[in-house]
Amino acid sequence: MDIIIAGAGGVGFRLAKTLCMKHNVTVLDKNENALSRLQESIDILAISGNIEDPKTYEMLVDKEYDLFIAVTDVDETNIISTLIADETIMVKEKIVRLRNDFFTKSSIGDKLGITASVFPFGIAAKSVESLLHFPKANNVKDFYDFPQKLISVRVKEAIAIEEILSKSIKIVGIEREKKFFLPNNYETIEANDLIYLFGDEKEIKELCSMIDEQMPEEIKNIVVFGADTLGVEIAKSLSNHNVNLKLIEKDLKKCEKASEVLQENVAVINSKYGDYQLFKEEGLKNADMLIASTKNDEENIIKCLEAKEFGIKKVVAINNDMEHYHLMHKLGIIAVRGPKTNAYYSILEKINSSSIISQRQYCGGKGIFLERKIKSDSYLLDTKIKPYKQENAICFVIRGEKIQEFNEPREIEEKDIIAVFGLTENEEDMRKWITSL
């Protein structure tokens, strides 16, 4: 595909680096230093200029492009650049990164012909909110086409996989130290492994309570550190539930702004993060869950470690830099993707999904899930298809609420979903298989 990326910041840089391996990528930005860094490391066309100025697009008018992606940190800039691109060049599809979910509730997206909008702050807040329903879990993923969930949980003691497998629960990944792999049915789960369970949410919840006795059974008292956009978004999502919530921020102006947004639903406290007595003075040590939501990973890690010293069992850190992902896990901290990482993965998933095939990534991008839904007019109906048989991959057929093993050739019915879990490094081979069925 021919792709234009407007914005060479953290998200734009990472997208360009990934997409240029298979596509022709053009990056627009007025920051010449950022463009130079890109060109030094990858093969792209860099155009220096203001993405809100039609003149910047003059070099692109003689060609049709498959995709325009606007990923700066400013909503208005992304929207205006999308409008200008629509007016000056030929673009088939447009994806926009936005902070304010107001745009999902308005008709602006339709008027601009935006194909998809990505709201990374909302996605991060939703990830934290999902932990209320699964107190033992590290992460929870929902799917659009079926009710099963993908839930990760830390195992405290060694256990054989066959002891926990059932018709409704499958293990589709194990993270051990820094390695991620898909196990066979005879694997032994070791102490401190992070396992990825796929299946019925009720049964997974019961299983999590059996294999994890340390995390709280219920989350009622919550502390959020940091009142930037993300911290407020998290507090707003959590306040919709019956919980006691405190938001801690050292910047008085941010406290005032947060209080205006959250009203009486959240206790906003102005205090220096470095004040160790804060946990005692404000009763924070009685929290069931603490979330460190600042833009600084080191600060988030330190705050979570302080909380663990005071006996708070469930500590969550927003992971802004993937280099800190494994450190957080090693320290017993739940890592939730930060807004920039969420934007990157969400956009990739949208690009790599279609009306037939959908894609999701998990375990810090090491694991990948591909699905194909069988429609009423599919040529696959009443024919036998072969499973995907490769090491480090697991294949299923999802039929309603049932997960069926897909190890041998079998017939497919209408509304069945063919699903394969594997390693991201094998994505191309997995995609070839599921596309060619």
Protein backbone atom coordinates (compact mmCIF):
# COMPACT_ATOMS: atom_id res chain seq x y z
CA MET A 1 0.00 0.00 0.00
CA ASP A 2 0.93 3.66 -0.39
CA ILE A 3 0.61 5.28 3.05
CA ILE A 4 0.95 8.87 4.30
CA ILE A 5 1.67 9.49 7.98
CA ALA A 6 1.07 13.03 9.26
CA GLY A 7 3.27 13.49 12.34
CA ALA A 8 6.78 12.17 13.04
CA GLY A 9 6.52 12.02 16.84
CA GLY A 10 6.70 8.84 18.91
CA VAL A 11 3.63 7.18 17.37
CA GLY A 12 4.35 8.33 13.80
CA PHE A 13 7.98 7.23 14.04
CA ARG A 14 7.05 3.76 15.30
CA LEU A 15 4.29 3.30 12.71
CA ALA A 16 6.61 4.37 9.89
CA LYS A 17 9.30 1.95 11.08
CA THR A 18 6.84 -0.97 11.10
CA LEU A 19 4.83 -0.16 7.98
CA CYS A 20 7.80 0.62 5.71
CA MET A 21 8.78 -3.07 5.82
CA LYS A 22 5.81 -3.96 3.60
CA HIS A 23 4.49 -0.64 2.24
CA ASN A 24 5.54 2.62 0.62
CA VAL A 25 5.50 5.21 3.40
CA THR A 26 5.56 9.01 3.24
CA VAL A 27 5.91 11.02 6.47
CA LEU A 28 4.91 14.69 6.80
CA ASP A 29 6.14 16.93 9.64
CA LYS A 30 7.57 20.42 10.14
CA ASN A 31 10.21 19.04 12.52
CA GLU A 32 13.19 18.49 10.21
CA ASN A 33 15.26 16.84 12.95
CA ALA A 34 12.59 14.20 13.51
CA LEU A 35 12.39 13.53 9.77
CA SER A 36 16.18 13.24 9.54
CA ARG A 37 16.22 10.65 12.33
CA LEU A 38 13.58 8.67 10.47
CA GLN A 39 15.46 8.74 7.18
CA GLU A 40 18.67 7.66 8.88
CA SER A 41 17.10 4.43 10.11
CA ILE A 42 14.39 3.48 7.59
CA ASP A 43 13.49 3.80 3.92
CA ILE A 44 10.71 6.41 3.67
CA LEU A 45 9.90 9.60 1.78
CA ALA A 46 10.10 12.54 4.22
CA ILE A 47 8.38 15.85 3.43
CA SER A 48 9.09 18.84 5.66
CA GLY A 49 6.16 21.22 6.13
CA ASN A 50 3.16 22.22 8.19
CA ILE A 51 0.53 19.46 7.86
CA GLU A 52 -2.18 22.12 8.28
CA ASP A 53 -0.94 23.95 5.15
CA PRO A 54 -2.23 22.76 1.73
CA LYS A 55 1.15 23.65 0.17
CA THR A 56 2.76 20.78 2.08
CA TYR A 57 0.72 18.33 0.01
CA GLU A 58 1.67 19.73 -3.41
CA MET A 59 4.28 17.01 -4.00
CA LEU A 60 1.61 14.33 -3.53
CA VAL A 61 -1.16 15.48 -5.88
CA ASP A 62 -0.34 13.27 -8.86
CA LYS A 63 -0.83 9.94 -7.10
CA GLU A 64 -3.61 8.02 -5.37
CA TYR A 65 -2.87 6.87 -1.80
CA ASP A 66 -4.40 3.95 0.06
CA LEU A 67 -4.21 5.39 3.54
CA PHE A 68 -3.73 8.70 5.37
CA ILE A 69 -2.89 8.49 9.10
CA ALA A 70 -2.89 11.62 11.30
CA VAL A 71 -1.11 10.95 14.60
CA THR A 72 0.09 14.22 16.14
CA ASP A 73 -0.67 14.98 19.82
CA VAL A 74 -3.23 17.67 18.90
CA ASP A 75 -6.80 16.73 17.92
CA GLU A 76 -7.43 19.91 15.94
CA THR A 77 -4.23 19.43 13.93
CA ASN A 78 -5.15 15.86 13.09
CA ILE A 79 -8.66 16.80 12.01
CA ILE A 80 -7.55 19.79 9.93
CA SER A 81 -4.79 17.81 8.23
CA THR A 82 -7.32 15.09 7.38
CA LEU A 83 -9.66 17.71 5.90
CA ILE A 84 -6.85 19.23 3.84
CA ALA A 85 -5.69 15.81 2.64
CA ASP A 86 -9.24 15.03 1.57
CA GLU A 87 -9.40 18.29 -0.42
CA THR A 88 -5.94 18.29 -2.04
CA ILE A 89 -4.92 14.67 -2.69
CA MET A 90 -6.57 11.35 -3.55
CA VAL A 91 -6.84 9.13 -0.47
CA LYS A 92 -8.99 6.00 -0.13
CA GLU A 93 -9.05 5.67 3.68
CA LYS A 94 -8.22 7.89 6.65
CA ILE A 95 -7.33 7.00 10.25
CA VAL A 96 -7.12 9.69 12.94
CA ARG A 97 -5.66 9.60 16.44
CA LEU A 98 -7.77 11.67 18.87
CA ARG A 99 -7.69 12.51 22.58
CA ASN A 100 -11.24 13.85 22.99
CA ASP A 101 -14.02 11.28 22.64
CA PHE A 102 -16.45 14.12 21.82
CA PHE A 103 -15.68 13.43 18.18
CA THR A 104 -17.15 9.91 18.40
CA LYS A 105 -20.45 11.40 19.53
CA SER A 106 -20.58 14.00 16.76
CA SER A 107 -20.94 13.76 12.99
CA ILE A 108 -17.52 15.32 12.33
CA GLY A 109 -15.95 11.98 11.46
CA ASP A 110 -18.63 11.20 8.87
CA LYS A 111 -18.38 14.66 7.34
CA LEU A 112 -14.61 14.28 6.95
CA GLY A 113 -14.95 10.78 5.57
CA ILE A 114 -12.78 9.36 8.36
CA THR A 115 -12.54 5.58 8.08
CA ALA A 116 -11.54 5.00 11.69
CA SER A 117 -10.76 7.02 14.81
CA VAL A 118 -8.43 5.85 17.58
CA PHE A 119 -8.85 7.13 21.16
CA PRO A 120 -5.78 5.84 23.04
CA PHE A 121 -6.61 7.58 26.35
CA GLY A 122 -10.02 5.94 26.39
CA ILE A 123 -8.52 2.55 25.54
CA ALA A 124 -6.01 2.82 28.41
CA ALA A 125 -8.76 3.85 30.86
CA LYS A 126 -10.93 0.95 29.69
CA SER A 127 -8.06 -1.49 30.31
CA VAL A 128 -7.78 -0.29 33.90
CA GLU A 129 -11.55 -0.33 34.37
CA SER A 130 -11.75 -3.97 33.24
CA LEU A 131 -9.63 -4.96 36.25
CA LEU A 132 -12.56 -4.07 38.53
CA HIS A 133 -14.50 -7.04 37.13
CA PHE A 134 -11.45 -9.34 37.23
CA PRO A 135 -9.51 -8.43 40.40
CA LYS A 136 -7.07 -11.32 39.98
CA ALA A 137 -6.22 -10.50 36.35
CA ASN A 138 -3.27 -8.64 34.88
CA ASN A 139 -5.06 -7.75 31.67
CA VAL A 140 -8.43 -8.34 30.02
CA LYS A 141 -9.22 -8.24 26.29
CA ASP A 142 -12.70 -8.28 24.78
CA PHE A 143 -13.57 -9.32 21.24
CA TYR A 144 -16.21 -7.95 18.88
CA ASP A 145 -17.56 -11.15 17.30
CA PHE A 146 -17.80 -13.58 20.23
CA PRO A 147 -18.31 -13.53 24.04
CA GLN A 148 -15.05 -15.21 25.09
CA LYS A 149 -12.30 -13.11 26.68
CA LEU A 150 -8.50 -13.21 26.77
CA ILE A 151 -7.34 -12.78 30.37
CA SER A 152 -3.82 -12.97 31.80
CA VAL A 153 -3.06 -13.97 35.40
CA ARG A 154 0.13 -14.50 37.41
CA VAL A 155 0.64 -18.04 38.75
CA LYS A 156 2.23 -18.25 42.20
CA GLU A 157 2.91 -22.01 42.28
CA ALA A 158 3.83 -24.60 39.63
CA ILE A 159 0.86 -26.44 38.14
CA ALA A 160 0.30 -28.84 35.21
CA ILE A 161 -1.68 -27.39 32.33
CA GLU A 162 -3.94 -30.44 32.15
CA GLU A 163 -5.16 -29.59 35.66
CA ILE A 164 -6.73 -26.33 34.57
CA LEU A 165 -7.72 -26.91 30.94
CA SER A 166 -11.42 -27.39 30.22
CA LYS A 167 -13.79 -27.26 27.27
CA SER A 168 -14.42 -23.60 28.07
CA ILE A 169 -10.87 -22.47 28.89
CA LYS A 170 -7.73 -22.70 26.75
CA ILE A 171 -4.20 -21.49 27.47
CA VAL A 172 -2.95 -19.45 24.50
CA GLY A 173 0.33 -18.13 25.87
CA ILE A 174 2.86 -18.22 28.68
CA GLU A 175 5.24 -15.39 29.49
CA ARG A 176 8.22 -16.70 31.46
CA GLU A 177 10.92 -14.17 32.35
CA LYS A 178 11.34 -12.35 29.00
CA LYS A 179 10.19 -15.23 26.81
CA PHE A 180 6.70 -15.76 25.38
CA PHE A 181 5.52 -19.07 23.91
CA LEU A 182 2.37 -21.09 23.22
CA PRO A 183 2.38 -24.30 25.26
CA ASN A 184 1.31 -27.85 24.49
CA ASN A 185 -1.22 -29.62 26.69
CA TYR A 186 1.51 -31.39 28.66
CA GLU A 187 3.46 -28.29 29.64
CA THR A 188 4.08 -27.49 33.31
CA ILE A 189 3.29 -23.95 34.32
CA GLU A 190 6.06 -22.67 36.57
CA ALA A 191 5.80 -20.38 39.58
CA ASN A 192 5.56 -16.70 38.59
CA ASP A 193 4.55 -17.48 34.99
CA LEU A 194 2.06 -15.08 33.42
CA ILE A 195 -0.49 -17.24 31.63
CA TYR A 196 -3.00 -16.13 28.99
CA LEU A 197 -6.42 -17.76 29.34
CA PHE A 198 -8.96 -17.69 26.52
CA GLY A 199 -12.56 -18.68 27.08
CA ASP A 200 -15.68 -18.23 29.21
CA GLU A 201 -15.22 -15.22 31.49
CA LYS A 202 -17.12 -16.73 34.43
CA GLU A 203 -15.04 -19.90 34.44
CA ILE A 204 -11.80 -17.93 34.01
CA LYS A 205 -12.74 -15.73 36.95
CA GLU A 206 -13.30 -18.80 39.14
CA LEU A 207 -10.02 -20.33 37.96
CA CYS A 208 -8.11 -17.11 38.70
CA SER A 209 -9.39 -17.21 42.28
CA MET A 210 -8.05 -20.75 42.62
CA ILE A 211 -4.54 -20.10 41.29
CA ASP A 212 -4.00 -16.64 42.80
CA GLU A 213 -4.56 -16.14 46.51
CA GLN A 214 -2.70 -12.84 46.87
CA MET A 215 -4.68 -10.38 44.75
CA PRO A 216 -7.89 -8.97 46.30
CA GLU A 217 -11.18 -10.78 45.70
CA GLU A 218 -12.95 -7.44 45.27
CA ILE A 219 -11.82 -3.91 44.51
CA LYS A 220 -13.60 -1.16 46.43
CA ASN A 221 -10.92 1.37 47.42
CA ILE A 222 -8.79 2.82 44.62
CA VAL A 223 -6.00 5.39 44.43
CA VAL A 224 -4.92 7.04 41.17
CA PHE A 225 -1.63 8.98 41.08
CA GLY A 226 -1.41 11.69 38.42
CA ALA A 227 -4.07 14.11 37.16
CA ASP A 228 -2.88 14.53 33.59
CA THR A 229 -5.36 13.72 30.81
CA LEU A 230 -4.96 9.98 31.33
CA GLY A 231 -5.27 10.05 35.12
CA VAL A 232 -8.49 12.03 34.88
CA GLU A 233 -9.81 9.71 32.14
CA ILE A 234 -9.08 6.67 34.33
CA ALA A 235 -10.73 8.29 37.35
CA LYS A 236 -13.77 9.19 35.25
CA SER A 237 -14.15 5.58 34.03
CA LEU A 238 -13.73 4.10 37.52
CA SER A 239 -16.16 6.58 39.08
CA ASN A 240 -19.00 4.95 37.13
CA HIS A 241 -18.74 2.02 39.54
CA ASN A 242 -19.51 1.67 43.23
CA VAL A 243 -15.97 2.37 44.48
CA ASN A 244 -14.20 4.81 46.79
CA LEU A 245 -11.78 6.73 44.62
CA LYS A 246 -8.96 9.18 45.41
CA LEU A 247 -6.93 11.07 42.80
CA ILE A 248 -3.52 12.38 43.95
CA GLU A 249 -1.71 15.20 42.12
CA LYS A 250 1.16 17.51 43.09
CA ASP A 251 0.22 20.30 40.63
CA LEU A 252 -2.50 22.49 42.18
CA LYS A 253 -3.80 23.72 38.81
CA LYS A 254 -4.23 20.16 37.58
CA CYS A 255 -6.10 19.36 40.80
CA GLU A 256 -8.49 22.23 40.20
CA LYS A 257 -9.10 21.15 36.62
CA ALA A 258 -9.63 17.52 37.65
CA SER A 259 -12.12 18.59 40.34
CA GLU A 260 -14.16 20.47 37.73
CA VAL A 261 -14.35 17.39 35.51
CA LEU A 262 -14.91 14.75 38.20
CA GLN A 263 -17.10 16.81 40.53
CA GLU A 264 -18.03 15.07 43.80
CA ASN A 265 -17.50 11.55 42.39
CA VAL A 266 -13.76 11.56 43.21
CA ALA A 267 -11.73 12.96 46.11
CA VAL A 268 -8.96 15.02 44.48
CA ILE A 269 -5.97 15.52 46.80
CA ASN A 270 -3.12 17.96 46.20
CA SER A 271 0.11 16.47 47.59
CA LYS A 272 3.74 15.93 46.63
CA TYR A 273 4.29 12.41 45.34
CA GLY A 274 7.54 12.22 47.29
CA ASP A 275 5.75 12.58 50.64
CA TYR A 276 6.09 9.05 52.05
CA GLN A 277 3.65 9.91 54.86
CA LEU A 278 0.89 10.39 52.32
CA PHE A 279 -0.04 6.71 52.48
CA LYS A 280 -0.67 7.00 56.21
CA GLU A 281 -2.18 10.48 56.36
CA GLU A 282 -4.77 9.95 53.65
CA GLY A 283 -5.43 6.28 54.42
CA LEU A 284 -4.06 5.23 51.04
CA LYS A 285 -2.51 2.08 52.50
CA ASN A 286 -6.04 0.64 52.78
CA ALA A 287 -6.50 0.73 49.00
CA ASP A 288 -7.32 -2.47 47.12
CA MET A 289 -5.71 -1.13 43.95
CA LEU A 290 -3.29 1.69 43.12
CA ILE A 291 -2.79 3.07 39.61
CA ALA A 292 0.27 5.20 38.76
CA SER A 293 -0.75 7.08 35.63
CA THR A 294 1.98 9.67 35.02
CA LYS A 295 3.89 10.07 31.75
CA ASN A 296 7.09 8.93 33.47
CA ASP A 297 7.61 5.16 33.82
CA GLU A 298 10.27 5.48 36.51
CA GLU A 299 7.93 7.60 38.62
CA ASN A 300 5.13 5.09 38.10
CA ILE A 301 7.37 2.18 39.13
CA ILE A 302 8.57 3.92 42.31
CA LYS A 303 5.02 4.81 43.32
CA CYS A 304 3.91 1.20 42.82
CA LEU A 305 6.85 -0.15 44.86
CA GLU A 306 6.00 2.26 47.70
CA ALA A 307 2.41 1.01 47.58
CA LYS A 308 3.55 -2.63 47.73
CA GLU A 309 5.61 -1.83 50.84
CA PHE A 310 2.43 -0.58 52.51
CA GLY A 311 0.69 -3.83 51.68
CA ILE A 312 -1.38 -2.82 48.63
CA LYS A 313 -1.67 -6.07 46.66
CA LYS A 314 -2.76 -4.83 43.25
CA VAL A 315 -0.53 -2.12 41.80
CA VAL A 316 -0.88 -0.90 38.21
CA ALA A 317 1.59 1.25 36.26
CA ILE A 318 0.93 2.94 32.95
CA ASN A 319 3.67 1.67 30.65
CA ASN A 320 4.73 4.54 28.38
CA ASP A 321 8.00 2.99 27.15
CA MET A 322 8.00 -0.70 26.17
CA GLU A 323 11.59 -1.00 27.44
CA HIS A 324 10.16 -0.94 30.98
CA TYR A 325 7.50 -3.59 30.30
CA HIS A 326 9.55 -6.57 31.55
CA LEU A 327 10.93 -4.64 34.53
CA MET A 328 7.39 -3.86 35.67
CA HIS A 329 6.38 -7.52 35.39
CA LYS A 330 9.51 -8.66 37.20
CA LEU A 331 8.68 -6.33 40.10
CA GLY A 332 5.13 -7.67 40.35
CA ILE A 333 3.59 -4.56 38.81
CA ILE A 334 0.71 -4.82 36.34
CA ALA A 335 1.68 -2.95 33.18
CA VAL A 336 -1.09 -1.23 31.20
CA ARG A 337 -0.27 0.21 27.78
CA GLY A 338 0.15 3.98 27.75
CA PRO A 339 -1.69 6.19 25.22
CA LYS A 340 1.11 6.25 22.62
CA THR A 341 1.56 2.48 22.66
CA ASN A 342 -2.21 2.04 22.51
CA ALA A 343 -2.38 4.36 19.50
CA TYR A 344 0.37 2.42 17.73
CA TYR A 345 -1.18 -1.04 18.27
CA SER A 346 -4.75 0.12 17.62
CA ILE A 347 -3.81 1.68 14.30
CA LEU A 348 -1.83 -1.39 13.25
CA GLU A 349 -4.76 -3.64 14.13
CA LYS A 350 -7.12 -1.49 12.07
CA ILE A 351 -4.75 -1.48 9.09
CA ASN A 352 -4.25 -5.24 9.23
CA SER A 353 -7.95 -6.06 9.72
CA SER A 354 -10.60 -6.24 7.03
CA SER A 355 -14.26 -7.15 6.61
CA ILE A 356 -13.18 -10.81 6.62
CA ILE A 357 -10.14 -11.00 8.90
CA SER A 358 -9.54 -9.27 12.24
CA GLN A 359 -6.28 -8.99 14.17
CA ARG A 360 -5.38 -8.37 17.82
CA GLN A 361 -2.02 -8.37 19.61
CA TYR A 362 -1.24 -9.28 23.21
CA CYS A 363 1.66 -9.84 25.65
CA GLY A 364 3.39 -6.57 24.80
CA GLY A 365 3.00 -7.25 21.09
CA LYS A 366 4.69 -10.67 21.22
CA GLY A 367 1.48 -12.63 20.70
CA ILE A 368 -1.00 -12.25 17.86
CA PHE A 369 -4.58 -13.42 17.28
CA LEU A 370 -6.22 -13.68 13.86
CA GLU A 371 -9.87 -14.52 13.25
CA ARG A 372 -12.03 -15.17 10.22
CA LYS A 373 -15.80 -15.11 10.51
CA ILE A 374 -17.77 -17.42 8.21
CA LYS A 375 -20.65 -15.58 6.55
CA SER A 376 -23.74 -17.05 4.86
CA ASP A 377 -22.30 -16.61 1.36
CA SER A 378 -18.85 -18.03 2.19
CA TYR A 379 -17.47 -20.62 -0.24
CA LEU A 380 -16.00 -22.44 2.78
CA LEU A 381 -19.42 -23.68 3.90
CA ASP A 382 -19.86 -27.47 3.69
CA THR A 383 -16.23 -27.97 2.72
CA LYS A 384 -13.46 -29.51 4.78
CA ILE A 385 -10.63 -27.15 5.64
CA LYS A 386 -7.24 -27.95 7.12
CA PRO A 387 -6.00 -26.45 10.38
CA TYR A 388 -2.91 -24.30 10.76
CA LYS A 389 -0.23 -26.65 11.99
CA GLN A 390 2.92 -24.88 13.05
CA GLU A 391 4.96 -24.83 16.23
CA ASN A 392 3.96 -22.05 18.64
CA ALA A 393 0.45 -21.73 17.22
CA ILE A 394 -2.97 -22.92 18.42
CA CYS A 395 -6.05 -23.17 16.20
CA PHE A 396 -9.73 -23.17 17.25
CA VAL A 397 -13.21 -22.99 15.81
CA ILE A 398 -15.48 -20.79 17.92
CA ARG A 399 -19.13 -21.77 17.60
CA GLY A 400 -21.32 -19.57 19.78
CA GLU A 401 -20.17 -20.05 23.37
CA LYS A 402 -18.15 -23.16 22.56
CA ILE A 403 -14.45 -23.35 21.73
CA GLN A 404 -13.64 -26.41 19.63
CA GLU A 405 -10.19 -27.83 18.99
CA PHE A 406 -9.11 -27.51 15.37
CA ASN A 407 -6.36 -30.10 14.93
CA GLU A 408 -7.76 -32.11 12.03
CA PRO A 409 -9.60 -31.21 8.78
CA ARG A 410 -13.21 -30.35 9.50
CA GLU A 411 -16.36 -28.84 8.03
CA ILE A 412 -17.28 -25.26 8.83
CA GLU A 413 -20.75 -23.86 9.52
CA GLU A 414 -22.25 -20.41 9.02
CA LYS A 415 -21.28 -17.95 11.81
CA ASP A 416 -18.33 -20.10 12.86
CA ILE A 417 -15.17 -18.18 13.67
CA ILE A 418 -11.81 -19.63 12.73
CA ALA A 419 -9.25 -18.42 15.25
CA VAL A 420 -5.49 -18.82 15.47
CA PHE A 421 -3.16 -17.65 18.25
CA GLY A 422 0.57 -17.45 17.60
CA LEU A 423 3.78 -15.45 17.75
CA THR A 424 3.83 -12.02 16.12
CA GLU A 425 7.08 -12.98 14.37
CA ASN A 426 5.05 -15.60 12.45
CA GLU A 427 2.26 -13.18 11.51
CA GLU A 428 2.92 -13.28 7.77
CA ASP A 429 2.68 -17.07 7.58
CA MET A 430 -0.45 -17.14 9.78
CA ARG A 431 -2.08 -14.43 7.67
CA LYS A 432 -1.34 -16.33 4.45
CA TRP A 433 -3.02 -19.41 5.85
CA ILE A 434 -6.19 -17.75 7.15
CA THR A 435 -6.53 -15.59 4.03
CA SER A 436 -6.11 -18.50 1.63
CA LEU A 437 -8.77 -20.73 3.21
